[in-house]
Amino acid sequence: MNKKAWLTGPALFVLCVAALFVTWAAMEPSALIHAFDQGGYSPFELATLPVYAAIVPFVWWKCPFGGSRRRRTILCLAVSVVAVMAIAKELDLHIRVLEWFYPDYVSDGSLVHGKLVKPDGRPLTGTPFKMRVLTNGAVPVGMKLAILFYFGAFFGVFAAGFAYLGWTWVKGVLRFEPAAWAWGCFGGSGVVVQIADRLPAWLDHRFGLDKHAAGGATAASSLCTCLEEGGELMIALFALLTIYLAHRARVREGAS
C-alpha cells in the first residue's frame, strides 16, 4: 500500500473547502444563497441528494465491514437508515410530516407562536425538533413520538454506530489507514456544517447582527450558506470515499 494513501481524505477535504471559498468569492451573495439554499430544492441541494442516495446501494455493494454476515448486515443497514434520514432532512420531510399531522402546532417549519409555552409562560419558538418541545406537557404524544423517531433513526443510529466502531477508527488513524482518515474528514465536514449553521444565530444573539442585514443577503450570510450546504455535500462524498477505501482494505487483507 502507498505510504501516502492516508492523505487522500485530507487532500480532498482541503480541495473541497478551497472550492467553496472560490465559489463564494466569485458569486454575488444573493445569487449564491438562491443557488445553494431554497429549503432543500435549490440547484445545489438537488444535486446533493443523488450523492446521499448513492450511499445506500454502494455500502451493500462494497461492504466496508468485516466479521460475520449478521454483523455486516446490521452495520450496512444502519448506514442505509442514516443515509435515508439525511435525504429526508435535506428535503425537510421531517418538518413537512409534523406540519401535515399537527398544523395547529407546526407551521412553515416552526412552532406556532403562542401555542406552546415555557414554564415561565413565554411562548416556545423555533424548530419543533428540540428537547424543550419533548419536555413540554402541552405537546401531543404523537408529535413527541414522531420527533423521537427522527432523533433515534438519524442521530441515535449514527451515534450507536460511531460508538461501536469508535475504537477501530482511533486505531486506524494512528496506523495512518486511508479509510480512517477519510472518516475523520467526514466528521470534519459535519463540524463545518454545524459551525456555519449556528454562527449567524450566535452573532445575532451576541452582537445584535442580522445575518440578512438591510433586508438582503450579506457576504457573511452567503459564506455561511456556502459552507453549510457545501459541507453537507462533503459529508456524503466522504461517506462514499470511506466505504470504498475500507472495502479495498478488506479485499487486500483477504488476498494477503
Protein backbone atom coordinates (compact mmCIF):
# COMPACT_ATOMS: atom_id res chain seq x y z
CA MET A 1 0.00 0.00 0.00
CA ASN A 2 1.18 3.50 -0.81
CA LYS A 3 2.51 5.04 2.41
CA LYS A 4 0.92 8.39 1.50
CA ALA A 5 -2.51 6.97 0.66
CA TRP A 6 -3.83 8.24 4.00
CA LEU A 7 -3.53 11.77 2.63
CA THR A 8 -6.33 11.10 0.11
CA GLY A 9 -9.06 12.22 2.50
CA PRO A 10 -7.30 15.31 3.92
CA ALA A 11 -6.24 16.45 0.44
CA LEU A 12 -9.80 16.14 -0.87
CA PHE A 13 -11.08 17.99 2.21
CA VAL A 14 -8.75 20.93 1.56
CA LEU A 15 -9.69 21.00 -2.13
CA CYS A 16 -13.41 20.96 -1.33
CA VAL A 17 -13.15 23.78 1.20
CA ALA A 18 -11.00 25.80 -1.21
CA ALA A 19 -13.58 25.26 -3.98
CA LEU A 20 -16.34 26.54 -1.68
CA PHE A 21 -14.38 29.67 -0.84
CA VAL A 22 -13.64 30.31 -4.52
CA THR A 23 -17.34 29.87 -5.32
CA TRP A 24 -18.27 32.28 -2.53
CA ALA A 25 -15.75 34.87 -3.73
CA ALA A 26 -16.95 34.59 -7.35
CA MET A 27 -20.71 34.90 -6.74
CA GLU A 28 -22.92 37.71 -5.52
CA PRO A 29 -24.32 36.92 -2.05
CA SER A 30 -27.97 36.87 -3.14
CA ALA A 31 -27.20 34.70 -6.19
CA LEU A 32 -25.19 32.25 -4.10
CA ILE A 33 -27.91 31.87 -1.47
CA HIS A 34 -30.51 31.38 -4.20
CA ALA A 35 -28.39 28.67 -5.84
CA PHE A 36 -27.42 26.93 -2.59
CA ASP A 37 -30.39 27.21 -0.24
CA GLN A 38 -34.08 27.03 -1.09
CA GLY A 39 -35.38 24.77 1.65
CA GLY A 40 -33.95 21.63 0.06
CA TYR A 41 -34.89 22.46 -3.54
CA SER A 42 -32.10 24.74 -4.77
CA PRO A 43 -29.94 23.52 -7.67
CA PHE A 44 -27.05 22.72 -5.33
CA GLU A 45 -29.26 20.92 -2.80
CA LEU A 46 -30.94 18.86 -5.50
CA ALA A 47 -27.52 17.93 -6.87
CA THR A 48 -26.53 16.78 -3.38
CA LEU A 49 -29.44 14.35 -3.00
CA PRO A 50 -28.21 11.72 -5.52
CA VAL A 51 -24.86 11.61 -3.73
CA TYR A 52 -26.60 10.73 -0.46
CA ALA A 53 -28.85 8.27 -2.27
CA ALA A 54 -25.79 6.55 -3.77
CA ILE A 55 -24.59 5.65 -0.28
CA VAL A 56 -27.36 3.06 0.16
CA PRO A 57 -26.55 0.74 -2.78
CA PHE A 58 -22.82 1.45 -2.52
CA VAL A 59 -22.47 0.30 1.10
CA TRP A 60 -24.13 -3.02 0.21
CA TRP A 61 -22.13 -3.44 -2.99
CA LYS A 62 -18.77 -2.51 -1.49
CA CYS A 63 -19.33 -3.59 2.09
CA PRO A 64 -16.65 -1.92 4.22
CA PHE A 65 -17.27 -4.03 7.31
CA GLY A 66 -15.69 -7.29 8.34
CA GLY A 67 -16.91 -10.06 10.62
CA SER A 68 -19.91 -12.31 10.35
CA ARG A 69 -22.66 -11.89 7.78
CA ARG A 70 -25.01 -10.78 10.56
CA ARG A 71 -22.61 -8.06 11.70
CA ARG A 72 -22.07 -6.82 8.16
CA THR A 73 -25.81 -6.77 7.50
CA ILE A 74 -26.61 -4.82 10.67
CA LEU A 75 -23.91 -2.24 10.02
CA CYS A 76 -24.85 -1.81 6.35
CA LEU A 77 -28.49 -1.42 7.39
CA ALA A 78 -27.51 1.24 9.93
CA VAL A 79 -25.61 3.19 7.25
CA SER A 80 -28.60 2.92 4.91
CA VAL A 81 -31.01 4.22 7.56
CA VAL A 82 -28.81 7.22 8.31
CA ALA A 83 -28.43 8.00 4.59
CA VAL A 84 -32.19 7.87 4.03
CA MET A 85 -32.79 10.10 7.04
CA ALA A 86 -30.16 12.53 5.72
CA ILE A 87 -32.15 12.79 2.49
CA ALA A 88 -35.33 13.39 4.49
CA LYS A 89 -33.55 16.13 6.44
CA GLU A 90 -32.18 17.72 3.27
CA LEU A 91 -35.73 17.92 1.86
CA ASP A 92 -37.20 18.95 5.24
CA LEU A 93 -39.55 15.98 5.02
CA HIS A 94 -39.44 15.52 8.80
CA ILE A 95 -40.85 19.01 9.23
CA ARG A 96 -43.44 18.51 6.50
CA VAL A 97 -44.74 15.42 8.30
CA LEU A 98 -45.26 17.37 11.51
CA GLU A 99 -46.94 20.20 9.60
CA TRP A 100 -49.28 17.70 7.96
CA PHE A 101 -50.33 15.90 11.13
CA TYR A 102 -50.06 18.77 13.62
CA PRO A 103 -50.83 22.03 11.78
CA ASP A 104 -52.01 23.67 15.00
CA TYR A 105 -48.55 23.29 16.48
CA VAL A 106 -46.17 23.49 13.50
CA SER A 107 -46.38 25.89 10.55
CA ASP A 108 -43.77 26.96 7.98
CA GLY A 109 -41.18 24.80 9.68
CA SER A 110 -41.56 26.44 13.10
CA LEU A 111 -43.70 26.13 16.19
CA VAL A 112 -46.92 28.11 16.03
CA HIS A 113 -46.27 31.25 18.03
CA GLY A 114 -48.06 31.22 21.37
CA LYS A 115 -49.44 27.69 21.03
CA LEU A 116 -46.81 26.20 23.35
CA VAL A 117 -45.26 27.99 26.31
CA LYS A 118 -42.23 27.60 28.54
CA PRO A 119 -42.55 27.08 32.30
CA ASP A 120 -42.17 30.85 32.76
CA GLY A 121 -45.14 31.49 30.48
CA ARG A 122 -43.19 32.74 27.45
CA PRO A 123 -44.07 31.17 24.08
CA LEU A 124 -41.93 28.42 22.59
CA THR A 125 -40.48 29.40 19.22
CA GLY A 126 -38.17 27.97 16.60
CA THR A 127 -37.88 24.44 15.25
CA PRO A 128 -40.00 21.69 16.85
CA PHE A 129 -37.01 19.34 16.90
CA LYS A 130 -35.67 20.39 20.29
CA MET A 131 -35.58 18.81 23.74
CA ARG A 132 -37.69 21.61 25.21
CA VAL A 133 -40.53 20.55 22.91
CA LEU A 134 -40.29 16.94 24.08
CA THR A 135 -40.46 18.02 27.72
CA ASN A 136 -43.41 20.37 27.21
CA GLY A 137 -46.62 18.90 28.62
CA ALA A 138 -48.82 20.63 26.04
CA VAL A 139 -47.19 18.84 23.08
CA PRO A 140 -49.34 15.94 21.79
CA VAL A 141 -47.94 12.48 22.49
CA GLY A 142 -47.99 11.55 18.78
CA MET A 143 -45.94 14.62 17.92
CA LYS A 144 -43.38 13.71 20.60
CA LEU A 145 -43.15 10.16 19.26
CA ALA A 146 -42.56 11.48 15.72
CA ILE A 147 -39.77 13.74 16.98
CA LEU A 148 -38.24 10.87 18.98
CA PHE A 149 -38.35 8.62 15.92
CA TYR A 150 -36.50 11.25 13.89
CA PHE A 151 -33.82 11.66 16.56
CA GLY A 152 -33.48 7.91 17.01
CA ALA A 153 -33.38 6.95 13.32
CA PHE A 154 -30.96 9.73 12.42
CA PHE A 155 -28.76 10.77 15.32
CA GLY A 156 -29.35 7.70 17.50
CA VAL A 157 -28.37 5.13 14.88
CA PHE A 158 -25.39 7.22 13.83
CA ALA A 159 -24.20 7.70 17.43
CA ALA A 160 -24.59 3.98 18.19
CA GLY A 161 -22.63 3.03 15.09
CA PHE A 162 -19.88 5.52 15.82
CA ALA A 163 -19.62 4.35 19.44
CA TYR A 164 -19.37 0.73 18.27
CA LEU A 165 -16.70 1.49 15.68
CA GLY A 166 -15.04 4.38 17.51
CA TRP A 167 -12.02 2.50 18.84
CA THR A 168 -11.49 0.86 15.46
CA TRP A 169 -11.43 4.33 13.92
CA VAL A 170 -8.94 5.65 16.50
CA LYS A 171 -6.59 2.73 15.86
CA GLY A 172 -6.93 3.29 12.12
CA VAL A 173 -5.99 6.95 12.46
CA LEU A 174 -2.91 6.07 14.48
CA ARG A 175 -1.96 3.50 11.85
CA PHE A 176 -2.49 6.04 9.05
CA GLU A 177 -5.13 3.90 7.38
CA PRO A 178 -6.72 5.79 4.44
CA ALA A 179 -10.30 4.82 5.37
CA ALA A 180 -9.88 6.07 8.94
CA TRP A 181 -8.55 9.43 7.79
CA ALA A 182 -11.35 9.74 5.23
CA TRP A 183 -13.84 9.05 8.02
CA GLY A 184 -12.17 11.77 10.08
CA CYS A 185 -12.74 14.17 7.18
CA PHE A 186 -16.37 13.05 7.18
CA GLY A 187 -16.56 14.19 10.78
CA GLY A 188 -14.70 17.40 9.97
CA SER A 189 -17.27 18.17 7.28
CA GLY A 190 -20.01 17.75 9.87
CA VAL A 191 -18.24 20.22 12.15
CA VAL A 192 -18.08 22.74 9.28
CA VAL A 193 -21.82 22.34 8.71
CA GLN A 194 -22.66 22.85 12.38
CA ILE A 195 -20.47 25.94 12.73
CA ALA A 196 -21.84 27.52 9.55
CA ASP A 197 -25.39 26.70 10.64
CA ARG A 198 -25.10 28.16 14.14
CA LEU A 199 -22.70 31.05 13.54
CA PRO A 200 -25.26 33.56 12.17
CA ALA A 201 -27.65 32.98 15.09
CA TRP A 202 -24.77 33.23 17.56
CA LEU A 203 -23.57 36.52 16.06
CA ASP A 204 -27.10 37.86 16.04
CA HIS A 205 -27.59 36.91 19.69
CA ARG A 206 -24.14 38.06 20.84
CA PHE A 207 -23.71 41.27 18.87
CA GLY A 208 -27.17 42.02 17.50
CA LEU A 209 -26.02 41.46 13.94
CA ASP A 210 -28.72 40.42 11.47
CA LYS A 211 -27.36 37.82 9.07
CA HIS A 212 -29.63 39.36 6.39
CA ALA A 213 -28.88 42.96 7.21
CA ALA A 214 -30.70 45.67 5.33
CA GLY A 215 -33.25 43.17 4.07
CA GLY A 216 -30.83 41.37 1.78
CA ALA A 217 -28.08 38.78 1.73
CA THR A 218 -24.66 39.77 3.01
CA ALA A 219 -21.21 38.40 2.27
CA ALA A 220 -21.14 36.82 5.75
CA SER A 221 -24.53 35.13 5.36
CA SER A 222 -23.66 33.83 1.89
CA LEU A 223 -20.38 32.41 3.22
CA CYS A 224 -22.24 30.56 5.98
CA THR A 225 -24.75 29.26 3.45
CA CYS A 226 -21.97 28.14 1.10
CA LEU A 227 -20.09 26.31 3.85
CA GLU A 228 -23.23 24.74 5.33
CA GLU A 229 -24.68 23.41 2.08
CA GLY A 230 -21.26 22.60 0.65
CA GLY A 231 -20.33 20.83 3.87
CA GLU A 232 -23.42 18.64 3.57
CA LEU A 233 -22.27 17.54 0.12
CA MET A 234 -18.81 16.89 1.54
CA ILE A 235 -20.32 14.64 4.21
CA ALA A 236 -21.87 12.43 1.52
CA LEU A 237 -18.68 12.42 -0.58
CA PHE A 238 -16.51 11.37 2.35
CA ALA A 239 -19.01 8.69 3.33
CA LEU A 240 -18.64 7.19 -0.14
CA LEU A 241 -14.86 7.56 -0.06
CA THR A 242 -14.64 5.89 3.35
CA ILE A 243 -16.78 2.97 2.20
CA TYR A 244 -14.62 2.47 -0.88
CA LEU A 245 -11.29 2.70 0.96
CA ALA A 246 -12.44 0.39 3.76
CA HIS A 247 -13.74 -2.15 1.25
CA ARG A 248 -10.48 -2.03 -0.70
CA ALA A 249 -8.55 -2.62 2.53
CA ARG A 250 -10.76 -5.62 3.33
CA VAL A 251 -10.15 -7.11 -0.12
CA ARG A 252 -6.42 -6.55 0.19
CA GLU A 253 -6.32 -8.20 3.62
CA GLY A 254 -8.31 -11.15 2.33
CA ALA A 255 -5.90 -11.60 -0.57
CA SER A 256 -2.81 -11.41 1.61
